[in-house]
């Protein structure tokens, strides 16, 4: 896949994540002003932003997770725009962004696990942020495949054969199946 296409996917993913996390932050602010408020993202007992945003897991670092996500997605959007407009990003910057993206993917997996199996509710905005993280991680992995500090040859071969896409789709399917089984 050409770099322009990958940077386009990176920018699209970060834009989706930025909008979703910003809207979630607005909903959290509504709850902070009025804990009994009815949020627009409450779709059912399963898709209940109120239940998720009132749980301690939605403010792990002492402030809303969505604030952290706004900063992350804005930062990666800037990186993506540099690449999309033809700018050159150093290997160290790209690898650092990949490490940051992987950390947030892990954090997102933990948070969805907590939402599904501990809080017993899902925030619709979280799903969009999580989907954005998959798009970001998939794109940045392909951009960095030739510069990885280990497994470079195997990763490039896997990418050429589309195995990385199968892996990302399989991970999404596993997460979706776990959520569906929990709430069915």
Protein backbone atom coordinates (compact mmCIF):
# COMPACT_ATOMS: atom_id res chain seq x y z
CA UNK A 1 0.00 0.00 0.00
CA UNK A 2 1.38 3.40 -0.89
CA UNK A 3 2.30 5.83 1.86
CA UNK A 4 -0.30 8.38 0.77
CA UNK A 5 -3.09 5.81 1.19
CA UNK A 6 -1.74 4.82 4.60
CA UNK A 7 -1.52 8.42 5.75
CA UNK A 8 -5.07 8.98 4.47
CA UNK A 9 -6.24 6.04 6.58
CA UNK A 10 -4.27 7.40 9.54
CA UNK A 11 -5.87 10.84 9.18
CA UNK A 12 -9.34 9.32 8.75
CA UNK A 13 -8.91 7.18 11.87
CA UNK A 14 -7.67 10.07 13.96
CA UNK A 15 -10.46 12.35 12.72
CA UNK A 16 -13.07 9.75 13.71
CA UNK A 17 -11.42 9.26 17.10
CA UNK A 18 -11.05 12.99 17.68
CA UNK A 19 -14.72 13.71 16.98
CA UNK A 20 -15.92 10.75 19.07
CA UNK A 21 -13.69 11.58 22.04
CA UNK A 22 -14.64 15.27 21.88
CA UNK A 23 -18.35 14.39 21.89
CA UNK A 24 -17.75 11.99 24.77
CA UNK A 25 -15.93 14.75 26.66
CA UNK A 26 -18.93 17.04 26.16
CA UNK A 27 -21.20 14.34 27.56
CA UNK A 28 -18.89 13.90 30.56
CA UNK A 29 -19.06 17.65 31.21
CA UNK A 30 -22.87 17.44 31.18
CA UNK A 31 -22.68 14.67 33.79
CA UNK A 32 -20.26 16.67 35.92
CA UNK A 33 -22.69 19.59 35.95
CA UNK A 34 -25.74 17.42 36.59
CA UNK A 35 -25.22 13.80 37.64
CA UNK A 36 -28.88 13.01 36.87
CA UNK A 37 -28.77 14.34 33.32
CA UNK A 38 -29.99 12.17 30.45
CA UNK A 39 -27.27 11.93 27.84
CA UNK A 40 -27.95 11.89 24.12
CA UNK A 41 -25.70 8.85 23.73
CA UNK A 42 -27.87 6.68 26.01
CA UNK A 43 -29.47 4.38 23.47
CA UNK A 44 -30.48 1.47 25.74
CA UNK A 45 -29.49 -0.27 28.94
CA UNK A 46 -26.55 -1.80 27.06
CA UNK A 47 -25.50 1.32 25.17
CA UNK A 48 -25.47 3.61 28.18
CA UNK A 49 -22.87 6.35 28.22
CA UNK A 50 -24.12 7.45 31.63
CA UNK A 51 -23.22 4.12 33.23
CA UNK A 52 -19.82 4.07 31.58
CA UNK A 53 -18.94 7.71 32.21
CA UNK A 54 -19.94 7.48 35.88
CA UNK A 55 -17.66 4.48 36.47
CA UNK A 56 -14.19 5.01 37.93
CA UNK A 57 -12.68 3.37 34.82
CA UNK A 58 -13.64 6.42 32.72
CA UNK A 59 -11.24 8.61 34.73
CA UNK A 60 -8.32 6.28 35.37
CA UNK A 61 -5.71 9.04 35.61
CA UNK A 62 -7.88 11.40 37.66
CA UNK A 63 -9.40 13.21 34.69
CA UNK A 64 -11.75 11.96 31.96
CA UNK A 65 -10.19 9.39 29.62
CA UNK A 66 -11.86 11.27 26.78
CA UNK A 67 -9.65 14.30 27.50
CA UNK A 68 -6.58 12.11 27.10
CA UNK A 69 -8.04 10.72 23.87
CA UNK A 70 -8.67 14.21 22.46
CA UNK A 71 -4.99 15.04 23.02
CA UNK A 72 -3.82 11.71 21.55
CA UNK A 73 -5.99 11.91 18.46
CA UNK A 74 -5.10 15.57 17.86
CA UNK A 75 -1.39 14.74 18.10
CA UNK A 76 -1.61 11.77 15.75
CA UNK A 77 -3.81 13.80 13.38
CA UNK A 78 -0.95 16.31 13.15
CA UNK A 79 1.52 13.51 12.42
CA UNK A 80 -0.82 12.08 9.78
CA UNK A 81 -1.28 15.46 8.11
CA UNK A 82 2.49 15.94 7.92
CA UNK A 83 2.80 12.60 6.12
CA UNK A 84 -0.26 13.18 3.95
CA UNK A 85 1.01 16.53 2.71
CA UNK A 86 4.36 15.03 1.71
CA UNK A 87 6.38 15.90 4.79
CA UNK A 88 9.01 13.50 6.01
CA UNK A 89 8.77 11.99 9.45
CA UNK A 90 11.88 10.56 11.00
CA UNK A 91 12.06 6.90 11.91
CA UNK A 92 12.19 7.72 15.62
CA UNK A 93 9.03 9.85 15.43
CA UNK A 94 7.12 7.17 13.53
CA UNK A 95 8.23 4.43 15.93
CA UNK A 96 7.33 6.62 18.92
CA UNK A 97 3.87 7.22 17.44
CA UNK A 98 3.52 3.48 16.90
CA UNK A 99 4.46 2.79 20.52
CA UNK A 100 2.00 5.42 21.73
CA UNK A 101 -0.71 4.01 19.48
CA UNK A 102 -0.10 0.47 20.72
CA UNK A 103 -0.26 1.66 24.33
CA UNK A 104 -3.62 3.30 23.66
CA UNK A 105 -4.88 0.22 21.83
CA UNK A 106 -4.01 -1.83 24.90
CA UNK A 107 -5.69 0.75 27.11
CA UNK A 108 -8.73 0.66 24.82
CA UNK A 109 -8.89 -3.13 25.03
CA UNK A 110 -8.72 -2.93 28.83
CA UNK A 111 -11.41 -0.25 28.93
CA UNK A 112 -13.76 -2.19 26.63
CA UNK A 113 -13.21 -5.27 28.80
CA UNK A 114 -14.08 -3.23 31.87
CA UNK A 115 -17.12 -1.71 30.17
CA UNK A 116 -18.39 -5.07 28.97
CA UNK A 117 -17.71 -7.33 31.94
CA UNK A 118 -17.49 -4.99 34.97
CA UNK A 119 -19.64 -1.94 34.17
CA UNK A 120 -22.05 -3.98 32.01
CA UNK A 121 -22.62 -1.12 29.57
CA UNK A 122 -21.03 0.20 26.39
CA UNK A 123 -20.47 3.81 25.40
CA UNK A 124 -21.11 4.27 21.69
CA UNK A 125 -18.39 6.93 21.48
CA UNK A 126 -15.90 4.45 22.94
CA UNK A 127 -16.64 2.05 20.10
CA UNK A 128 -15.82 4.74 17.55
CA UNK A 129 -12.60 5.61 19.41
CA UNK A 130 -11.69 1.94 19.57
CA UNK A 131 -12.34 1.48 15.85
CA UNK A 132 -10.19 4.53 15.17
CA UNK A 133 -7.36 2.98 17.19
CA UNK A 134 -7.46 -0.12 14.99
CA UNK A 135 -7.25 2.00 11.84
CA UNK A 136 -4.41 4.06 13.30
CA UNK A 137 -2.43 1.04 14.49
CA UNK A 138 -2.91 -0.84 11.22
CA UNK A 139 -1.76 2.16 9.20
CA UNK A 140 1.25 3.03 11.32
CA UNK A 141 2.36 -0.61 11.42
CA UNK A 142 2.42 -0.70 7.63
CA UNK A 143 4.23 2.65 7.49
CA UNK A 144 6.87 1.40 9.92
CA UNK A 145 7.26 -2.20 8.71
CA UNK A 146 10.64 -1.57 7.07
CA UNK A 147 11.96 0.27 10.16
CA UNK A 148 10.91 -2.07 12.94
CA UNK A 149 13.75 -2.94 15.32
CA UNK A 150 12.92 -6.66 15.10
CA UNK A 151 10.98 -9.03 12.83
CA UNK A 152 11.31 -6.65 9.90
CA UNK A 153 11.52 -9.23 7.13
CA UNK A 154 8.68 -11.36 8.52
CA UNK A 155 6.46 -8.30 9.05
CA UNK A 156 7.04 -7.06 5.50
CA UNK A 157 6.21 -10.52 4.15
CA UNK A 158 3.06 -10.68 6.29
CA UNK A 159 2.00 -7.26 5.00
CA UNK A 160 2.64 -8.26 1.39
CA UNK A 161 0.35 -11.26 1.93
CA UNK A 162 -2.32 -9.26 3.80
CA UNK A 163 -1.83 -11.28 6.98
CA UNK A 164 -1.72 -8.10 9.07
CA UNK A 165 -5.20 -7.12 7.88
CA UNK A 166 -6.49 -10.61 8.70
CA UNK A 167 -4.97 -10.24 12.17
CA UNK A 168 -6.62 -6.86 12.79
CA UNK A 169 -9.99 -8.13 11.52
CA UNK A 170 -9.67 -11.24 13.71
CA UNK A 171 -8.96 -9.11 16.79
CA UNK A 172 -11.99 -6.91 16.08
CA UNK A 173 -14.12 -10.03 15.56
CA UNK A 174 -12.97 -11.52 18.87
CA UNK A 175 -13.76 -8.30 20.75
CA UNK A 176 -17.15 -7.98 19.03
CA UNK A 177 -17.99 -11.63 19.72
CA UNK A 178 -17.12 -11.25 23.41
CA UNK A 179 -19.35 -8.19 23.67
CA UNK A 180 -22.22 -9.84 21.80
CA UNK A 181 -22.01 -12.97 23.95
CA UNK A 182 -21.98 -10.89 27.13
CA UNK A 183 -25.07 -8.89 26.20
CA UNK A 184 -27.12 -11.53 24.39
